[in-house]
Amino acid sequence: MSDIRGGDLPDLPDLRSEADALDSKDELAAKREEFVLDETVYLDGNSLGALPANVPGRLAEVMTHEWGRLRIRSWDESGWWTAPERIGDRIAPLVGAAPGQVVVGDSTSVNVFKALVAAVRIARGPDHPSEGRDEIVVDATTFPTDGYIAESAARLTGCRLIPVAPADVPGVLGARTAAVLLNHADYRTGRLHDLPGLTAAVHAAGALVVWDLCHTAGALPVGLDEHGVDLAVGCTYKYLNGGPGSPAYLYVREALQPRFDSPLPGWNSHAEPFGMRPGFEPADGALRGRVGTPDILSMLALEASLDAWDGVSIDAVRAKSLALTDFFLRCVGAYVPTGRVESLTPAAHAERGSQVALRCEGAGDVMKRLIEQGVVGDFRAPDVLRFGFTPLYVSFGDAERAARVLASTLA
């Protein structure tokens, strides 16, 4: 954490000019035209991404033609049945995964449950399903739902739950650890946790790791395959811009797929879904992560939204993300009166996600006033202003204007 030092507002024209210069050199600038935006500075894409401009037309086609005319034929003729794995393969490159390891469907919470219980079952092995490894480690600073799910999974599997801060995870690992559930980035502060190092530590203890990627997928390289991650989950309505409540995804490392034993087997994850047999036989591969009938309207809206990623390098996205957050922090330091805000976001690039969190007295009221003036971020109790930077459509001019309006609000 660090205090933001105030500066003089006469510096403002120089930073405006710098923002213009940075925008003129931005290789992702043209992507902004692929989203439905207005004069609002939208810095809440870490909660809900902006609407890609092609999605309404695609949904209209689905409604009028695929559902309206083809009706049930669309399960085959329009590819509805294969949508979960097809869209999963489009998300896979954004999280550093080869094809055949990501399946789309259900919510993040449901996928966390599936992944965590399956991780415990894999760690124990088929010969000793209830012996030996009887501890689940969970990020004590996690988004609340992950904690709730971990507690339920521990009860279901007869495990003891051990909540610790991510940095302290290596110190609690041992022969009794079955699975570890971690967030790649802290949802409040934007702090990025050490996915490669923590994954290696969990594996050294003989356990499995489940990563929640909600606040990093689509904002920075994740490298699931490269770092040997076991299982991962994430939402698609933040940096992937899939729309409110769009389906989440589940990653199962290829080597683990034959042993992936989902606690929620459904007819969609059966080897022969239309065989309607009373006994369950799991499908091959990541399809074991499917459960029931896919939410087709939301799923196909997500598929259309992913067109915005065509031709985009995730490394270029990361470079712009860091440049945007650096520039915003500089503008805040120049414009905001000294002592009015404190940055909770790590200065080091290796520890920073794609948001800036500022501690501020009366943060809830401050955010309301910012929104009234056309700068949309969000508030987290008790005193945190969050600003999410989605590199596909946020400009350096947006960052400068947001800092300027924040300064005038606090002055």
Protein backbone atom coordinates (compact mmCIF):
# COMPACT_ATOMS: atom_id res chain seq x y z
CA MET A 1 0.00 0.00 0.00
CA SER A 2 1.25 3.49 -0.73
CA ASP A 3 0.01 7.05 -0.34
CA ILE A 4 -0.75 8.89 -3.58
CA ARG A 5 1.03 12.22 -3.45
CA GLY A 6 -0.91 15.17 -4.67
CA GLY A 7 0.19 17.54 -7.41
CA ASP A 8 -0.89 20.78 -9.07
CA LEU A 9 -3.75 20.77 -11.54
CA PRO A 10 -1.84 23.07 -13.94
CA ASP A 11 -0.01 19.85 -14.97
CA LEU A 12 -3.29 18.70 -16.47
CA PRO A 13 -2.73 19.79 -20.12
CA ASP A 14 0.58 17.89 -20.26
CA LEU A 15 -1.04 14.66 -19.12
CA ARG A 16 -3.88 15.18 -21.55
CA SER A 17 -1.37 15.54 -24.36
CA GLU A 18 0.47 12.48 -23.17
CA ALA A 19 -2.79 10.51 -23.15
CA ASP A 20 -3.47 11.60 -26.73
CA ALA A 21 0.02 10.53 -27.78
CA LEU A 22 -0.32 7.15 -26.08
CA ASP A 23 -3.70 6.57 -27.71
CA SER A 24 -2.30 7.43 -31.13
CA LYS A 25 0.33 4.67 -30.74
CA ASP A 26 -2.00 2.07 -29.21
CA GLU A 27 -2.07 -1.06 -31.38
CA LEU A 28 -5.38 -2.11 -29.78
CA ALA A 29 -7.10 1.26 -30.27
CA ALA A 30 -9.21 0.07 -33.22
CA LYS A 31 -10.78 -2.61 -31.01
CA ARG A 32 -12.70 0.13 -29.18
CA GLU A 33 -14.95 0.49 -32.24
CA GLU A 34 -16.11 -3.12 -31.80
CA PHE A 35 -17.95 -2.26 -28.56
CA VAL A 36 -21.09 -0.30 -27.74
CA LEU A 37 -19.75 2.68 -25.83
CA ASP A 38 -20.72 6.30 -25.19
CA GLU A 39 -19.08 9.31 -23.56
CA THR A 40 -18.97 7.55 -20.20
CA VAL A 41 -15.57 6.49 -18.93
CA TYR A 42 -16.33 2.85 -18.21
CA LEU A 43 -13.87 1.37 -15.68
CA ASP A 44 -16.06 -1.44 -14.35
CA GLY A 45 -15.23 -4.14 -16.87
CA ASN A 46 -13.82 -6.18 -13.98
CA SER A 47 -17.47 -6.59 -12.90
CA LEU A 48 -19.30 -6.54 -16.25
CA GLY A 49 -17.65 -6.10 -19.62
CA ALA A 50 -19.05 -3.75 -22.27
CA LEU A 51 -21.35 -5.04 -24.99
CA PRO A 52 -19.55 -6.13 -28.19
CA ALA A 53 -21.32 -4.50 -31.13
CA ASN A 54 -21.87 -7.75 -33.04
CA VAL A 55 -23.75 -9.54 -30.25
CA PRO A 56 -27.25 -8.04 -30.73
CA GLY A 57 -27.31 -9.08 -34.39
CA ARG A 58 -26.10 -12.57 -33.59
CA LEU A 59 -28.74 -13.00 -30.88
CA ALA A 60 -31.44 -11.75 -33.23
CA GLU A 61 -30.37 -14.43 -35.71
CA VAL A 62 -30.49 -17.10 -33.01
CA MET A 63 -33.94 -15.97 -31.87
CA THR A 64 -35.59 -15.53 -35.25
CA HIS A 65 -33.94 -18.23 -37.36
CA GLU A 66 -32.35 -20.91 -35.19
CA TRP A 67 -35.03 -20.95 -32.50
CA GLY A 68 -37.85 -19.31 -34.42
CA ARG A 69 -37.65 -21.39 -37.63
CA LEU A 70 -35.40 -24.37 -37.13
CA ARG A 71 -36.50 -24.89 -33.55
CA ILE A 72 -35.29 -28.27 -32.20
CA ARG A 73 -33.34 -28.94 -35.40
CA SER A 74 -30.83 -26.32 -34.27
CA TRP A 75 -29.34 -28.67 -31.71
CA ASP A 76 -27.73 -30.42 -34.67
CA GLU A 77 -28.00 -28.07 -37.66
CA SER A 78 -26.92 -24.92 -35.82
CA GLY A 79 -24.34 -26.60 -33.61
CA TRP A 80 -26.07 -25.97 -30.30
CA TRP A 81 -25.13 -29.38 -28.93
CA THR A 82 -21.38 -28.89 -29.38
CA ALA A 83 -21.34 -25.27 -28.20
CA PRO A 84 -19.86 -25.95 -24.70
CA GLU A 85 -16.68 -27.54 -26.04
CA ARG A 86 -16.49 -25.41 -29.20
CA ILE A 87 -16.60 -22.18 -27.22
CA GLY A 88 -14.27 -23.71 -24.66
CA ASP A 89 -11.69 -24.16 -27.39
CA ARG A 90 -12.02 -20.45 -28.25
CA ILE A 91 -11.38 -19.46 -24.64
CA ALA A 92 -8.49 -21.89 -24.27
CA PRO A 93 -5.82 -19.70 -25.96
CA LEU A 94 -6.75 -16.79 -23.71
CA VAL A 95 -5.83 -18.85 -20.64
CA GLY A 96 -2.89 -20.69 -22.18
CA ALA A 97 -4.55 -24.04 -22.78
CA ALA A 98 -4.46 -26.43 -25.71
CA PRO A 99 -7.78 -27.50 -27.28
CA GLY A 100 -9.89 -30.17 -25.62
CA GLN A 101 -9.37 -29.03 -22.03
CA VAL A 102 -11.96 -26.28 -21.52
CA VAL A 103 -15.72 -26.72 -21.44
CA VAL A 104 -18.23 -23.88 -21.05
CA GLY A 105 -21.37 -24.07 -18.93
CA ASP A 106 -22.89 -23.46 -15.51
CA SER A 107 -21.78 -20.66 -13.18
CA THR A 108 -18.36 -20.06 -11.67
CA SER A 109 -19.65 -21.24 -8.30
CA VAL A 110 -20.91 -24.55 -9.72
CA ASN A 111 -17.63 -25.10 -11.55
CA VAL A 112 -15.61 -24.35 -8.41
CA PHE A 113 -17.60 -27.04 -6.63
CA LYS A 114 -17.10 -29.57 -9.42
CA ALA A 115 -13.38 -28.84 -9.67
CA LEU A 116 -12.63 -28.84 -5.94
CA VAL A 117 -14.48 -32.06 -5.10
CA ALA A 118 -12.98 -33.77 -8.15
CA ALA A 119 -9.50 -32.58 -7.08
CA VAL A 120 -9.93 -34.20 -3.66
CA ARG A 121 -11.12 -37.44 -5.27
CA ILE A 122 -8.15 -37.50 -7.66
CA ALA A 123 -5.66 -36.74 -4.87
CA ARG A 124 -6.97 -39.62 -2.75
CA GLY A 125 -7.06 -42.09 -5.61
CA PRO A 126 -9.54 -44.88 -6.25
CA ASP A 127 -7.97 -47.33 -3.80
CA HIS A 128 -8.25 -45.09 -0.74
CA PRO A 129 -11.24 -42.77 -1.38
CA SER A 130 -11.57 -41.58 2.21
CA GLU A 131 -8.14 -42.01 3.68
CA GLY A 132 -4.87 -40.14 3.83
CA ARG A 133 -5.37 -36.73 2.33
CA ASP A 134 -8.06 -35.02 4.36
CA GLU A 135 -7.28 -31.28 4.15
CA ILE A 136 -8.44 -28.58 1.75
CA VAL A 137 -6.50 -25.32 1.75
CA VAL A 138 -8.39 -22.23 0.60
CA ASP A 139 -7.39 -18.61 0.02
CA ALA A 140 -8.54 -16.81 3.19
CA THR A 141 -8.89 -13.55 1.22
CA THR A 142 -10.95 -15.13 -1.54
CA PHE A 143 -14.19 -13.91 -3.06
CA PRO A 144 -16.84 -15.04 -0.53
CA THR A 145 -18.53 -17.63 -2.76
CA ASP A 146 -15.29 -19.55 -3.23
CA GLY A 147 -14.98 -19.77 0.53
CA TYR A 148 -18.57 -20.95 0.90
CA ILE A 149 -18.07 -23.61 -1.77
CA ALA A 150 -14.80 -24.76 -0.20
CA GLU A 151 -16.50 -25.17 3.17
CA SER A 152 -19.28 -27.23 1.60
CA ALA A 153 -16.80 -29.34 -0.38
CA ALA A 154 -14.85 -30.02 2.81
CA ARG A 155 -17.99 -31.25 4.57
CA LEU A 156 -18.93 -33.43 1.62
CA THR A 157 -15.50 -35.05 1.36
CA GLY A 158 -14.79 -35.29 5.10
CA CYS A 159 -11.89 -32.85 4.90
CA ARG A 160 -10.68 -30.19 7.28
CA LEU A 161 -10.70 -26.69 5.76
CA ILE A 162 -7.56 -24.57 6.22
CA PRO A 163 -7.98 -20.89 5.22
CA VAL A 164 -4.69 -19.01 4.78
CA ALA A 165 -3.41 -16.05 2.79
CA PRO A 166 -1.94 -17.11 -0.57
CA ALA A 167 1.60 -16.17 0.47
CA ASP A 168 1.31 -18.55 3.44
CA VAL A 169 0.08 -21.56 1.46
CA PRO A 170 3.48 -23.30 1.16
CA GLY A 171 3.82 -23.34 4.94
CA VAL A 172 0.63 -25.37 5.50
CA LEU A 173 1.07 -27.95 2.75
CA GLY A 174 1.88 -31.52 3.65
CA ALA A 175 1.07 -35.19 3.26
CA ARG A 176 -2.53 -34.59 4.35
CA THR A 177 -3.24 -31.85 1.79
CA ALA A 178 -5.67 -33.01 -0.89
CA ALA A 179 -6.50 -29.82 -2.78
CA VAL A 180 -5.84 -26.10 -2.75
CA LEU A 181 -8.26 -23.44 -4.06
CA LEU A 182 -6.73 -20.07 -4.95
CA ASN A 183 -7.67 -16.85 -6.71
CA HIS A 184 -5.26 -15.67 -9.37
CA ALA A 185 -5.97 -12.04 -8.43
CA ASP A 186 -7.45 -10.48 -5.31
CA TYR A 187 -10.84 -9.07 -6.29
CA ARG A 188 -10.50 -6.10 -3.93
CA THR A 189 -6.95 -4.91 -4.51
CA GLY A 190 -6.04 -6.39 -7.87
CA ARG A 191 -2.97 -8.09 -6.39
CA LEU A 192 -1.77 -10.88 -8.66
CA HIS A 193 -0.76 -14.07 -6.89
CA ASP A 194 2.13 -16.29 -7.93
CA LEU A 195 0.41 -18.95 -10.02
CA PRO A 196 3.59 -20.72 -11.19
CA GLY A 197 5.26 -20.77 -7.78
CA LEU A 198 2.18 -21.78 -5.79
CA THR A 199 1.24 -24.47 -8.32
CA ALA A 200 4.73 -25.95 -8.02
CA ALA A 201 4.53 -25.88 -4.21
CA VAL A 202 1.18 -27.68 -4.20
CA HIS A 203 2.48 -30.33 -6.57
CA ALA A 204 5.60 -30.84 -4.45
CA ALA A 205 3.26 -31.77 -1.60
CA GLY A 206 1.45 -34.30 -3.79
CA ALA A 207 -1.78 -32.30 -3.88
CA LEU A 208 -3.86 -30.71 -6.64
CA VAL A 209 -4.53 -27.03 -7.23
CA VAL A 210 -7.67 -25.29 -8.48
CA TRP A 211 -7.27 -21.70 -9.72
CA ASP A 212 -10.09 -19.14 -9.98
CA LEU A 213 -9.28 -16.94 -13.00
CA CYS A 214 -12.27 -14.58 -12.86
CA HIS A 215 -10.13 -11.46 -12.50
CA THR A 216 -7.32 -12.37 -14.87
CA ALA A 217 -8.61 -14.27 -17.92
CA GLY A 218 -8.73 -11.83 -20.81
CA ALA A 219 -6.51 -9.30 -19.05
CA LEU A 220 -3.15 -11.07 -18.89
CA PRO A 221 -1.41 -14.34 -19.84
CA VAL A 222 -2.32 -17.19 -17.49
CA GLY A 223 -0.33 -20.14 -18.84
CA LEU A 224 -2.40 -23.06 -17.54
CA ASP A 225 -0.62 -25.69 -19.63
CA GLU A 226 2.80 -24.10 -19.26
CA HIS A 227 2.64 -24.13 -15.47
CA GLY A 228 0.98 -27.54 -15.10
CA VAL A 229 -2.22 -26.27 -13.46
CA ASP A 230 -4.56 -29.12 -12.57
CA LEU A 231 -7.97 -27.48 -12.74
CA ALA A 232 -9.20 -23.94 -13.24
CA VAL A 233 -12.48 -22.09 -13.44
CA GLY A 234 -13.53 -18.62 -14.47
CA CYS A 235 -16.40 -16.38 -15.45
CA THR A 236 -16.84 -14.86 -18.90
CA TYR A 237 -18.74 -11.65 -18.16
CA LYS A 238 -15.77 -9.56 -17.00
CA TYR A 239 -12.76 -9.15 -19.30
CA LEU A 240 -14.21 -11.64 -21.82
CA ASN A 241 -17.32 -9.43 -22.25
CA GLY A 242 -19.76 -12.33 -22.52
CA GLY A 243 -22.72 -10.48 -21.00
CA PRO A 244 -24.50 -10.52 -17.62
CA GLY A 245 -24.62 -14.02 -16.20
CA SER A 246 -22.86 -15.52 -19.21
CA PRO A 247 -21.78 -19.13 -18.62
CA ALA A 248 -18.51 -19.86 -16.89
CA TYR A 249 -15.86 -22.38 -17.93
CA LEU A 250 -13.99 -25.31 -16.46
CA TYR A 251 -10.43 -26.35 -17.36
CA VAL A 252 -9.31 -29.93 -16.72
CA ARG A 253 -5.70 -30.74 -17.58
CA GLU A 254 -5.63 -33.43 -20.24
CA ALA A 255 -3.61 -35.88 -18.15
CA LEU A 256 -6.21 -35.71 -15.37
CA GLN A 257 -9.31 -36.08 -17.52
CA PRO A 258 -9.58 -39.89 -17.23
CA ARG A 259 -9.63 -39.49 -13.43
CA PHE A 260 -11.94 -36.45 -13.30
CA ASP A 261 -14.86 -37.66 -11.19
CA SER A 262 -17.46 -34.89 -11.14
CA PRO A 263 -19.72 -34.63 -8.09
CA LEU A 264 -22.45 -33.43 -10.48
CA PRO A 265 -22.79 -36.08 -13.19
CA GLY A 266 -25.59 -35.28 -15.59
CA TRP A 267 -27.04 -36.58 -18.81
CA ASN A 268 -24.89 -34.09 -20.77
CA SER A 269 -21.71 -35.57 -19.29
CA HIS A 270 -22.72 -39.16 -20.07
CA ALA A 271 -20.77 -41.09 -22.68
CA GLU A 272 -24.09 -41.70 -24.47
CA PRO A 273 -26.41 -38.84 -23.50
CA PHE A 274 -29.33 -40.13 -25.53
CA GLY A 275 -28.92 -43.72 -24.40
CA MET A 276 -30.99 -42.85 -21.33
CA ARG A 277 -29.44 -45.68 -19.33
CA PRO A 278 -29.86 -45.75 -15.53
CA GLY A 279 -26.13 -46.27 -14.93
CA PHE A 280 -23.73 -43.36 -15.37
CA GLU A 281 -20.75 -43.75 -17.69
CA PRO A 282 -18.67 -40.56 -17.98
CA ALA A 283 -17.83 -39.09 -21.36
CA ASP A 284 -14.24 -38.81 -22.47
CA GLY A 285 -12.19 -35.67 -21.98
CA ALA A 286 -13.35 -32.32 -20.69
CA LEU A 287 -16.95 -33.21 -21.58
CA ARG A 288 -17.08 -34.83 -18.16
CA GLY A 289 -17.45 -31.28 -16.86
CA ARG A 290 -20.83 -30.82 -18.53
CA VAL A 291 -23.95 -31.41 -16.43
CA GLY A 292 -27.34 -30.45 -17.86
CA THR A 293 -28.79 -28.72 -20.91
CA PRO A 294 -26.64 -25.71 -21.91
CA ASP A 295 -28.00 -22.18 -21.63
CA ILE A 296 -27.95 -21.65 -25.38
CA LEU A 297 -28.95 -17.98 -25.63
CA SER A 298 -26.27 -16.82 -23.18
CA MET A 299 -23.76 -19.28 -24.57
CA LEU A 300 -24.14 -18.08 -28.16
CA ALA A 301 -23.97 -14.45 -27.04
CA LEU A 302 -20.65 -15.34 -25.41
CA GLU A 303 -19.46 -17.05 -28.58
CA ALA A 304 -20.20 -13.92 -30.61
CA SER A 305 -18.46 -11.71 -28.05
CA LEU A 306 -15.27 -13.72 -28.46
CA ASP A 307 -15.00 -12.44 -32.05
CA ALA A 308 -13.49 -9.30 -30.52
CA TRP A 309 -10.42 -11.39 -29.69
CA ASP A 310 -9.72 -12.31 -33.30
CA GLY A 311 -6.17 -11.27 -34.13
CA VAL A 312 -5.44 -10.07 -30.61
CA SER A 313 -2.31 -11.10 -28.73
CA ILE A 314 -2.80 -11.63 -25.01
CA ASP A 315 0.74 -10.31 -24.53
CA ALA A 316 -0.29 -7.05 -26.21
CA VAL A 317 -3.31 -6.90 -23.91
CA ARG A 318 -1.08 -7.33 -20.87
CA ALA A 319 1.32 -4.64 -22.06
CA LYS A 320 -1.52 -2.15 -22.50
CA SER A 321 -3.08 -3.13 -19.17
CA LEU A 322 0.11 -2.33 -17.31
CA ALA A 323 0.62 0.89 -19.27
CA LEU A 324 -2.96 2.00 -18.53
CA THR A 325 -2.75 1.29 -14.80
CA ASP A 326 0.68 2.94 -14.57
CA PHE A 327 -0.62 6.03 -16.35
CA PHE A 328 -3.78 6.21 -14.25
CA LEU A 329 -1.74 6.04 -11.03
CA ARG A 330 0.51 8.82 -12.34
CA CYS A 331 -2.53 10.98 -13.13
CA VAL A 332 -4.03 10.30 -9.70
CA GLY A 333 -0.71 11.27 -8.11
CA ALA A 334 -0.62 14.49 -10.11
CA TYR A 335 -4.24 15.56 -9.68
CA VAL A 336 -5.62 14.24 -6.38
CA PRO A 337 -4.90 16.27 -3.22
CA THR A 338 -2.21 14.72 -1.07
CA GLY A 339 -3.42 12.19 1.49
CA ARG A 340 -6.92 11.79 0.10
CA VAL A 341 -6.38 8.33 -1.40
CA GLU A 342 -4.09 5.39 -0.76
CA SER A 343 -3.26 2.83 -3.44
CA LEU A 344 -3.84 -0.78 -2.48
CA THR A 345 -2.65 -1.95 -5.89
CA PRO A 346 0.91 -3.29 -6.01
CA ALA A 347 3.41 -1.06 -7.79
CA ALA A 348 5.34 -4.08 -9.11
CA HIS A 349 4.02 -5.26 -12.47
CA ALA A 350 4.51 -8.92 -11.54
CA GLU A 351 2.06 -8.48 -8.67
CA ARG A 352 -0.60 -6.42 -10.44
CA GLY A 353 -3.73 -7.54 -12.23
CA SER A 354 -5.72 -5.14 -14.42
CA GLN A 355 -7.41 -2.96 -11.85
CA VAL A 356 -6.48 -0.14 -9.50
CA ALA A 357 -7.90 -0.09 -5.99
CA LEU A 358 -7.77 3.14 -4.01
CA ARG A 359 -8.60 3.41 -0.33
CA CYS A 360 -10.59 6.56 0.27
CA GLU A 361 -12.63 8.01 3.11
CA GLY A 362 -16.32 7.97 2.21
CA ALA A 363 -15.58 5.77 -0.80
CA GLY A 364 -19.20 4.75 -1.31
CA ASP A 365 -20.38 8.34 -1.65
CA VAL A 366 -17.35 9.28 -3.75
CA MET A 367 -18.13 6.53 -6.25
CA LYS A 368 -21.75 7.64 -6.50
CA ARG A 369 -20.58 11.15 -7.36
CA LEU A 370 -18.07 9.85 -9.90
CA ILE A 371 -20.80 7.86 -11.64
CA GLU A 372 -23.01 10.95 -11.74
CA GLN A 373 -20.16 12.71 -13.57
CA GLY A 374 -19.70 9.96 -16.13
CA VAL A 375 -16.86 7.93 -14.57
CA VAL A 376 -18.04 4.42 -13.72
CA GLY A 377 -16.03 2.25 -11.36
CA ASP A 378 -17.29 0.44 -8.29
CA PHE A 379 -17.09 0.42 -4.50
CA ARG A 380 -16.11 -2.36 -2.12
CA ALA A 381 -16.85 -1.99 1.56
CA PRO A 382 -15.68 -0.44 3.66
CA ASP A 383 -13.52 2.11 1.84
CA VAL A 384 -12.24 0.90 -1.54
CA LEU A 385 -12.73 2.49 -4.96
CA ARG A 386 -12.10 -0.06 -7.75
CA PHE A 387 -11.26 0.87 -11.31
CA GLY A 388 -11.00 -1.95 -13.84
CA PHE A 389 -9.04 -1.42 -17.04
CA THR A 390 -10.18 -3.54 -19.99
CA PRO A 391 -7.48 -3.02 -22.63
CA LEU A 392 -9.71 -3.83 -25.60
CA TYR A 393 -11.79 -0.69 -25.13
CA VAL A 394 -10.36 1.54 -22.38
CA SER A 395 -8.16 4.38 -23.66
CA PHE A 396 -5.43 6.43 -22.04
CA GLY A 397 -7.74 9.42 -22.45
CA ASP A 398 -10.26 7.55 -20.29
CA ALA A 399 -7.62 7.01 -17.62
CA GLU A 400 -6.65 10.70 -17.57
CA ARG A 401 -10.25 11.89 -17.45
CA ALA A 402 -11.12 9.49 -14.63
CA ALA A 403 -8.24 10.77 -12.50
CA ARG A 404 -9.18 14.37 -13.25
CA VAL A 405 -12.83 13.86 -12.24
CA LEU A 406 -11.73 11.98 -9.12
CA ALA A 407 -9.53 14.93 -8.16
CA SER A 408 -12.29 17.49 -8.65
CA THR A 409 -14.68 15.30 -6.63
CA LEU A 410 -12.28 15.09 -3.71
CA ALA A 411 -11.02 18.67 -3.86
